[in-house]
Structures are given as C-alpha cells and as structure tokens.
C-alpha atoms as a PDB file:
ATOM      1  CA  MET A   1     161.894  76.169  29.156  1.00  0.00           C
ATOM      2  CA  SER A   2     165.552  75.717  30.158  1.00  0.00           C
ATOM      3  CA  ARG A   3     168.522  76.046  27.839  1.00  0.00           C
ATOM      4  CA  TYR A   4     169.697  73.014  25.903  1.00  0.00           C
ATOM      5  CA  ARG A   5     172.524  71.082  27.566  1.00  0.00           C
ATOM      6  CA  GLY A   6     172.680  67.991  25.346  1.00  0.00           C
ATOM      7  CA  PRO A   7     174.827  66.973  22.355  1.00  0.00           C
ATOM      8  CA  ARG A   8     175.343  69.964  20.059  1.00  0.00           C
ATOM      9  CA  LEU A   9     176.131  68.093  16.868  1.00  0.00           C
ATOM     10  CA  ARG A  10     172.729  66.456  17.141  1.00  0.00           C
ATOM     11  CA  ILE A  11     171.136  69.914  16.844  1.00  0.00           C
ATOM     12  CA  VAL A  12     173.438  70.926  13.990  1.00  0.00           C
ATOM     13  CA  ARG A  13     172.451  67.799  12.035  1.00  0.00           C
ATOM     14  CA  ARG A  14     168.797  68.693  12.495  1.00  0.00           C
ATOM     15  CA  LEU A  15     168.909  72.453  11.872  1.00  0.00           C
ATOM     16  CA  GLY A  16     172.072  73.117   9.859  1.00  0.00           C
ATOM     17  CA  GLU A  17     175.099  75.287  10.597  1.00  0.00           C
ATOM     18  CA  LEU A  18     174.788  77.392  13.761  1.00  0.00           C
ATOM     19  CA  PRO A  19     177.953  79.509  14.146  1.00  0.00           C
ATOM     20  CA  GLY A  20     177.005  80.849  17.580  1.00  0.00           C
ATOM     21  CA  PHE A  21     176.082  77.426  18.952  1.00  0.00           C
ATOM     22  CA  THR A  22     179.150  75.330  18.139  1.00  0.00           C
ATOM     23  CA  ARG A  23     182.233  75.388  15.937  1.00  0.00           C
ATOM     24  CA  LYS A  24     182.133  71.608  15.465  1.00  0.00           C
ATOM     25  CA  VAL A  25     181.059  70.081  12.157  1.00  0.00           C
ATOM     26  CA  SER A  26     179.307  66.739  11.974  1.00  0.00           C
ATOM     27  CA  LYS A  27     180.553  64.085   9.535  1.00  0.00           C
ATOM     28  CA  LYS A  28     177.026  62.695   9.282  1.00  0.00           C
ATOM     29  CA  THR A  29     174.552  64.240   6.856  1.00  0.00           C
ATOM     30  CA  ASN A  30     171.322  62.589   7.987  1.00  0.00           C
ATOM     31  CA  PRO A  31     169.084  64.107  10.682  1.00  0.00           C
ATOM     32  CA  PRO A  32     169.456  62.497  14.129  1.00  0.00           C
ATOM     33  CA  GLY A  33     167.251  59.679  15.359  1.00  0.00           C
ATOM     34  CA  GLN A  34     166.346  56.133  14.380  1.00  0.00           C
ATOM     35  CA  HIS A  35     164.508  57.251  11.251  1.00  0.00           C
ATOM     36  CA  GLY A  36     166.852  60.096  10.336  1.00  0.00           C
ATOM     37  CA  ALA A  37     167.992  58.470   7.092  1.00  0.00           C
ATOM     38  CA  THR A  38     164.436  58.424   5.725  1.00  0.00           C
ATOM     39  CA  GLN A  39     163.544  61.996   6.736  1.00  0.00           C
ATOM     40  CA  ASN A  40     165.419  63.525   3.793  1.00  0.00           C
ATOM     41  CA  ASN A  41     162.960  61.879   1.395  1.00  0.00           C
ATOM     42  CA  GLN A  42     159.856  63.062   3.216  1.00  0.00           C
ATOM     43  CA  LYS A  43     158.117  66.311   2.359  1.00  0.00           C
ATOM     44  CA  ALA A  44     158.152  68.686   5.317  1.00  0.00           C
ATOM     45  CA  SER A  45     154.950  70.422   6.364  1.00  0.00           C
ATOM     46  CA  GLN A  46     154.690  74.220   6.368  1.00  0.00           C
ATOM     47  CA  TYR A  47     154.570  74.166  10.161  1.00  0.00           C
ATOM     48  CA  SER A  48     157.772  72.107  10.450  1.00  0.00           C
ATOM     49  CA  ILE A  49     159.588  74.448   8.034  1.00  0.00           C
ATOM     50  CA  ARG A  50     158.682  77.464  10.183  1.00  0.00           C
ATOM     51  CA  LEU A  51     159.530  75.567  13.359  1.00  0.00           C
ATOM     52  CA  VAL A  52     163.027  74.773  12.093  1.00  0.00           C
ATOM     53  CA  GLU A  53     163.721  78.456  11.339  1.00  0.00           C
ATOM     54  CA  LYS A  54     162.497  79.452  14.786  1.00  0.00           C
ATOM     55  CA  GLN A  55     164.648  76.793  16.448  1.00  0.00           C
ATOM     56  CA  LYS A  56     167.694  78.079  14.566  1.00  0.00           C
ATOM     57  CA  LEU A  57     167.326  81.419  16.338  1.00  0.00           C
ATOM     58  CA  ARG A  58     166.790  79.794  19.718  1.00  0.00           C
ATOM     59  CA  PHE A  59     169.815  77.537  19.582  1.00  0.00           C
ATOM     60  CA  ASN A  60     172.181  79.898  17.778  1.00  0.00           C
ATOM     61  CA  TYR A  61     171.638  82.782  20.207  1.00  0.00           C
ATOM     62  CA  GLY A  62     171.220  80.533  23.248  1.00  0.00           C
ATOM     63  CA  ILE A  63     167.880  81.891  24.419  1.00  0.00           C
ATOM     64  CA  ASN A  64     164.776  80.127  25.693  1.00  0.00           C
ATOM     65  CA  GLU A  65     161.292  80.193  24.205  1.00  0.00           C
ATOM     66  CA  ARG A  66     159.996  82.923  26.493  1.00  0.00           C
ATOM     67  CA  GLN A  67     162.897  85.231  25.684  1.00  0.00           C
ATOM     68  CA  LEU A  68     162.431  84.741  21.951  1.00  0.00           C
ATOM     69  CA  LEU A  69     158.705  85.411  22.255  1.00  0.00           C
ATOM     70  CA  ASN A  70     159.426  88.648  24.147  1.00  0.00           C
ATOM     71  CA  TYR A  71     161.889  89.736  21.450  1.00  0.00           C
ATOM     72  CA  MET A  72     159.234  88.980  18.838  1.00  0.00           C
ATOM     73  CA  LYS A  73     156.737  91.190  20.678  1.00  0.00           C
ATOM     74  CA  LYS A  74     159.255  94.051  20.719  1.00  0.00           C
ATOM     75  CA  ALA A  75     159.966  93.578  17.017  1.00  0.00           C
ATOM     76  CA  LYS A  76     156.253  93.693  16.201  1.00  0.00           C
ATOM     77  CA  LYS A  77     155.888  97.063  17.965  1.00  0.00           C
ATOM     78  CA  ALA A  78     158.922  98.616  16.257  1.00  0.00           C
ATOM     79  CA  LYS A  79     158.925 100.334  12.876  1.00  0.00           C
ATOM     80  CA  GLY A  80     160.170  98.442   9.841  1.00  0.00           C
ATOM     81  CA  SER A  81     160.290  94.760   8.976  1.00  0.00           C
ATOM     82  CA  SER A  82     159.520  92.674  12.072  1.00  0.00           C
ATOM     83  CA  GLY A  83     161.906  89.936  10.946  1.00  0.00           C
ATOM     84  CA  GLU A  84     164.871  92.281  10.483  1.00  0.00           C
ATOM     85  CA  VAL A  85     164.136  94.091  13.747  1.00  0.00           C
ATOM     86  CA  LEU A  86     164.055  90.715  15.532  1.00  0.00           C
ATOM     87  CA  LEU A  87     167.466  89.775  14.135  1.00  0.00           C
ATOM     88  CA  GLN A  88     168.826  93.204  15.068  1.00  0.00           C
ATOM     89  CA  LEU A  89     167.634  92.837  18.673  1.00  0.00           C
ATOM     90  CA  LEU A  90     169.337  89.447  18.947  1.00  0.00           C
ATOM     91  CA  GLU A  91     172.542  90.562  17.229  1.00  0.00           C
ATOM     92  CA  MET A  92     172.947  93.602  19.496  1.00  0.00           C
ATOM     93  CA  ARG A  93     172.904  91.499  22.678  1.00  0.00           C
ATOM     94  CA  LEU A  94     176.153  91.854  24.623  1.00  0.00           C
ATOM     95  CA  ASP A  95     176.947  88.127  24.588  1.00  0.00           C
ATOM     96  CA  ASN A  96     176.567  88.059  20.800  1.00  0.00           C
ATOM     97  CA  ILE A  97     178.729  91.175  20.366  1.00  0.00           C
ATOM     98  CA  VAL A  98     181.477  89.562  22.472  1.00  0.00           C
ATOM     99  CA  PHE A  99     181.239  86.466  20.258  1.00  0.00           C
ATOM    100  CA  ARG A 100     181.277  88.450  17.000  1.00  0.00           C
ATOM    101  CA  LEU A 101     184.359  90.366  18.167  1.00  0.00           C
ATOM    102  CA  GLY A 102     186.174  87.031  18.478  1.00  0.00           C
ATOM    103  CA  MET A 103     186.618  87.077  22.262  1.00  0.00           C
ATOM    104  CA  ALA A 104     184.887  83.707  22.608  1.00  0.00           C
ATOM    105  CA  PRO A 105     184.431  80.641  20.328  1.00  0.00           C
ATOM    106  CA  THR A 106     180.650  80.478  20.820  1.00  0.00           C
ATOM    107  CA  ILE A 107     177.850  82.612  22.234  1.00  0.00           C
ATOM    108  CA  VAL A 108     177.630  80.168  25.152  1.00  0.00           C
ATOM    109  CA  ALA A 109     181.279  80.879  26.028  1.00  0.00           C
ATOM    110  CA  ALA A 110     180.696  84.609  25.521  1.00  0.00           C
ATOM    111  CA  ARG A 111     177.772  84.461  27.963  1.00  0.00           C
ATOM    112  CA  GLN A 112     180.060  82.955  30.591  1.00  0.00           C
ATOM    113  CA  LEU A 113     182.601  85.753  30.099  1.00  0.00           C
ATOM    114  CA  VAL A 114     179.853  88.309  30.670  1.00  0.00           C
ATOM    115  CA  ASN A 115     178.265  86.465  33.611  1.00  0.00           C
ATOM    116  CA  HIS A 116     181.600  86.138  35.408  1.00  0.00           C
ATOM    117  CA  GLY A 117     182.344  89.857  35.119  1.00  0.00           C
ATOM    118  CA  HIS A 118     185.217  89.719  32.612  1.00  0.00           C
ATOM    119  CA  ILE A 119     183.671  92.277  30.212  1.00  0.00           C
ATOM    120  CA  LEU A 120     183.348  96.053  30.542  1.00  0.00           C
ATOM    121  CA  VAL A 121     180.961  98.246  28.565  1.00  0.00           C
ATOM    122  CA  ASN A 122     182.022 101.902  28.483  1.00  0.00           C
ATOM    123  CA  ASP A 123     184.392 101.157  31.400  1.00  0.00           C
ATOM    124  CA  SER A 124     181.547  99.803  33.543  1.00  0.00           C
ATOM    125  CA  SER A 125     181.197  96.158  34.499  1.00  0.00           C
ATOM    126  CA  VAL A 126     178.140  94.553  32.878  1.00  0.00           C
ATOM    127  CA  ASP A 127     177.266  90.973  33.815  1.00  0.00           C
ATOM    128  CA  ILE A 128     173.940  90.763  31.945  1.00  0.00           C
ATOM    129  CA  PRO A 129     174.307  88.813  28.651  1.00  0.00           C
ATOM    130  CA  SER A 130     171.049  90.225  27.277  1.00  0.00           C
ATOM    131  CA  TYR A 131     172.262  93.820  27.679  1.00  0.00           C
ATOM    132  CA  THR A 132     171.486  95.694  24.447  1.00  0.00           C
ATOM    133  CA  CYS A 133     174.522  97.373  22.934  1.00  0.00           C
ATOM    134  CA  ARG A 134     174.229 100.625  20.987  1.00  0.00           C
ATOM    135  CA  PRO A 135     176.435 102.535  18.555  1.00  0.00           C
ATOM    136  CA  LYS A 136     179.541 104.095  20.163  1.00  0.00           C
ATOM    137  CA  ASP A 137     179.522 101.518  22.979  1.00  0.00           C
ATOM    138  CA  GLN A 138     183.039 100.314  23.795  1.00  0.00           C
ATOM    139  CA  ILE A 139     183.440  96.694  24.856  1.00  0.00           C
ATOM    140  CA  LYS A 140     186.696  95.618  26.421  1.00  0.00           C
ATOM    141  CA  VAL A 141     188.183  93.008  28.701  1.00  0.00           C
ATOM    142  CA  LYS A 142     188.577  93.875  32.365  1.00  0.00           C
ATOM    143  CA  ALA A 143     192.166  94.896  33.176  1.00  0.00           C
ATOM    144  CA  LYS A 144     192.697  91.828  35.329  1.00  0.00           C
ATOM    145  CA  PRO A 145     195.347  89.146  34.612  1.00  0.00           C
ATOM    146  CA  SER A 146     192.887  86.248  34.778  1.00  0.00           C
ATOM    147  CA  SER A 147     190.391  87.998  32.480  1.00  0.00           C
ATOM    148  CA  MET A 148     193.056  89.035  29.959  1.00  0.00           C
ATOM    149  CA  LYS A 149     194.594  85.537  29.906  1.00  0.00           C
ATOM    150  CA  LEU A 150     191.225  83.851  29.409  1.00  0.00           C
ATOM    151  CA  VAL A 151     190.259  86.001  26.423  1.00  0.00           C
ATOM    152  CA  LYS A 152     193.728  85.798  24.855  1.00  0.00           C
ATOM    153  CA  ASN A 153     193.589  81.999  25.063  1.00  0.00           C
ATOM    154  CA  PHE A 154     190.202  82.052  23.299  1.00  0.00           C
ATOM    155  CA  ILE A 155     191.569  84.341  20.575  1.00  0.00           C
ATOM    156  CA  GLU A 156     194.659  82.173  20.001  1.00  0.00           C
ATOM    157  CA  THR A 157     192.520  79.051  19.787  1.00  0.00           C
ATOM    158  CA  ASN A 158     189.932  80.572  17.444  1.00  0.00           C
ATOM    159  CA  GLY A 159     192.317  82.408  15.135  1.00  0.00           C
ATOM    160  CA  ALA A 160     191.158  85.339  13.032  1.00  0.00           C
ATOM    161  CA  VAL A 161     187.401  85.892  12.723  1.00  0.00           C
ATOM    162  CA  ALA A 162     185.453  87.673  10.005  1.00  0.00           C
ATOM    163  CA  LEU A 163     184.553  90.954  11.675  1.00  0.00           C
ATOM    164  CA  PRO A 164     181.192  92.431  10.592  1.00  0.00           C
ATOM    165  CA  GLU A 165     181.193  96.038   9.399  1.00  0.00           C
ATOM    166  CA  HIS A 166     179.275  97.409  12.379  1.00  0.00           C
ATOM    167  CA  LEU A 167     182.091  96.422  14.761  1.00  0.00           C
ATOM    168  CA  SER A 168     185.751  97.375  15.182  1.00  0.00           C
ATOM    169  CA  TRP A 169     188.361  95.429  17.171  1.00  0.00           C
ATOM    170  CA  SER A 170     191.880  96.104  18.431  1.00  0.00           C
ATOM    171  CA  PRO A 171     193.660  92.836  19.337  1.00  0.00           C
ATOM    172  CA  GLU A 172     196.508  94.757  21.017  1.00  0.00           C
ATOM    173  CA  THR A 173     194.283  96.477  23.574  1.00  0.00           C
ATOM    174  CA  LEU A 174     191.439  93.926  23.516  1.00  0.00           C
ATOM    175  CA  LEU A 175     189.060  96.785  22.843  1.00  0.00           C
ATOM    176  CA  GLY A 176     186.029  96.579  20.581  1.00  0.00           C
ATOM    177  CA  GLU A 177     183.532  99.222  19.530  1.00  0.00           C
ATOM    178  CA  VAL A 178     180.010  99.133  18.149  1.00  0.00           C
ATOM    179  CA  LYS A 179     180.093 101.551  15.200  1.00  0.00           C
ATOM    180  CA  ALA A 180     176.478 101.194  14.060  1.00  0.00           C
ATOM    181  CA  PHE A 181     173.367  99.059  14.321  1.00  0.00           C
ATOM    182  CA  VAL A 182     173.799  95.734  12.566  1.00  0.00           C
ATOM    183  CA  GLN A 183     172.505  95.455   8.993  1.00  0.00           C
ATOM    184  CA  ARG A 184     170.799  92.353   7.601  1.00  0.00           C
ATOM    185  CA  ASN A 185     173.674  91.455   5.261  1.00  0.00           C
ATOM    186  CA  TRP A 186     176.162  91.490   8.164  1.00  0.00           C
ATOM    187  CA  ILE A 187     174.407  88.624   9.981  1.00  0.00           C
ATOM    188  CA  SER A 188     176.266  85.335   9.546  1.00  0.00           C
ATOM    189  CA  LEU A 189     173.405  82.973  10.445  1.00  0.00           C
ATOM    190  CA  GLN A 190     171.655  81.527   7.392  1.00  0.00           C
ATOM    191  CA  ILE A 191     167.971  81.985   8.203  1.00  0.00           C
ATOM    192  CA  ASN A 192     164.662  83.088   6.695  1.00  0.00           C
ATOM    193  CA  GLU A 193     163.399  85.471   9.370  1.00  0.00           C
ATOM    194  CA  LEU A 194     160.022  85.900   7.634  1.00  0.00           C
ATOM    195  CA  LEU A 195     159.190  82.280   8.455  1.00  0.00           C
ATOM    196  CA  VAL A 196     159.891  83.012  12.118  1.00  0.00           C
ATOM    197  CA  VAL A 197     157.466  85.958  12.001  1.00  0.00           C
ATOM    198  CA  GLU A 198     154.855  83.688  10.418  1.00  0.00           C
ATOM    199  CA  TYR A 199     155.448  81.054  13.124  1.00  0.00           C
ATOM    200  CA  TYR A 200     154.619  83.581  15.829  1.00  0.00           C
ATOM    201  CA  ALA A 201     151.774  85.246  13.911  1.00  0.00           C
ATOM    202  CA  ARG A 202     149.086  83.730  16.143  1.00  0.00           C
ATOM    203  CA  LYS A 203     151.023  84.153  19.372  1.00  0.00           C
ATOM    204  CA  VAL A 204     151.927  87.834  19.136  1.00  0.00           C
END
C-alpha cells in the first residue's frame, strides 16, 4: 500500500489532530464525505474505533500498512507493554527525531531531509528515514550551505517547538542529541495504543 498523497485536511477531519502529518487546522468539524454531517450522531462499531486509532499511527508517522505491521510484530516480541513499545519504535525513527527537534514542519518534510542526505547521525550521512536512533546519538545538519539554509528556513517558519525531554537541541550549531529512549508521556500524538494492539491481535 503506497503512502497517502491526497488532501491532508480531509484526513485530519476524519481522525483528529495529527502533528506529524500536517500543521494545518480545518475550519470544518464534520467528517469528510457526503454523509459526514450525520456520522457524528451514529454509534461507531468496536472495529471502526480500533481502525481509527491504527490509522492515526499510519498517517501521523507516514508509514504504510506493511511497515506498521512489521513494527507491531517487533513490539509483540519485546518485553513490556506492546503498545508502548510500538510507540517507542515509531518515535525513535530518524525522520521523527528530525521532526521533533524542529528541523522540519512535518514528518513528511523531515523524511525528505533525510532522503536527500542533509542529515548526519554521529557525523555519518544517513539517508534512511526508518533508521532507529538510540541514546547518545547526535543528529546534525550537514555542513553544506544548501543544507544549512534549508533547515534554517524551516526553523524560522515553524518558530519554537516544544522539545520532549529525551532530546536536546542547539539552534546555534543545529545539533541535536538523543538523551534517552522516549517515554510514553513525552509523545505528542493523542492515541490509545491498546486499541491498536487489539486491532492487530489476529494478525500478529
């Protein structure tokens, strides 16, 4: 399944706020579609509730169904709560770290920075957005005029961002560091991860 390329506000109206997907806010409150106005009065099924939570992860982190299923399989094998481990795996992706540091307005834009070779991890070029960051990893912008200008323009446009406690950021040197693994209360996306685990219960 390919990544979504259509109108983003349509997805936000259906799923709610997705900080990694878009910074835009819709003026409309009804879900999209011809019958969107009547959907608010209808009782959602248990399946649709779980589906919505799963779709939040997919669209917010910009991954396809197969990738999310693979992350779910890894989370199931790890120790601890599968839902929290799943969120941790997604949050520690390089494209998400670049976004959370404020280098890009969305995870989609952060993925482009990584793909085009503008980001260094521990002084080595990494162009894989799904690269898993670990504590003590240093993420910085390549010392190249075009790379520095691009990120600085993003930062000026975005303004100050709320930096989670597991990250540190120096705007002067454009250097960020992963201080620890992300904790559940540091994740900005409003989601019930247990419903996602239940959605995949029969598939994993």
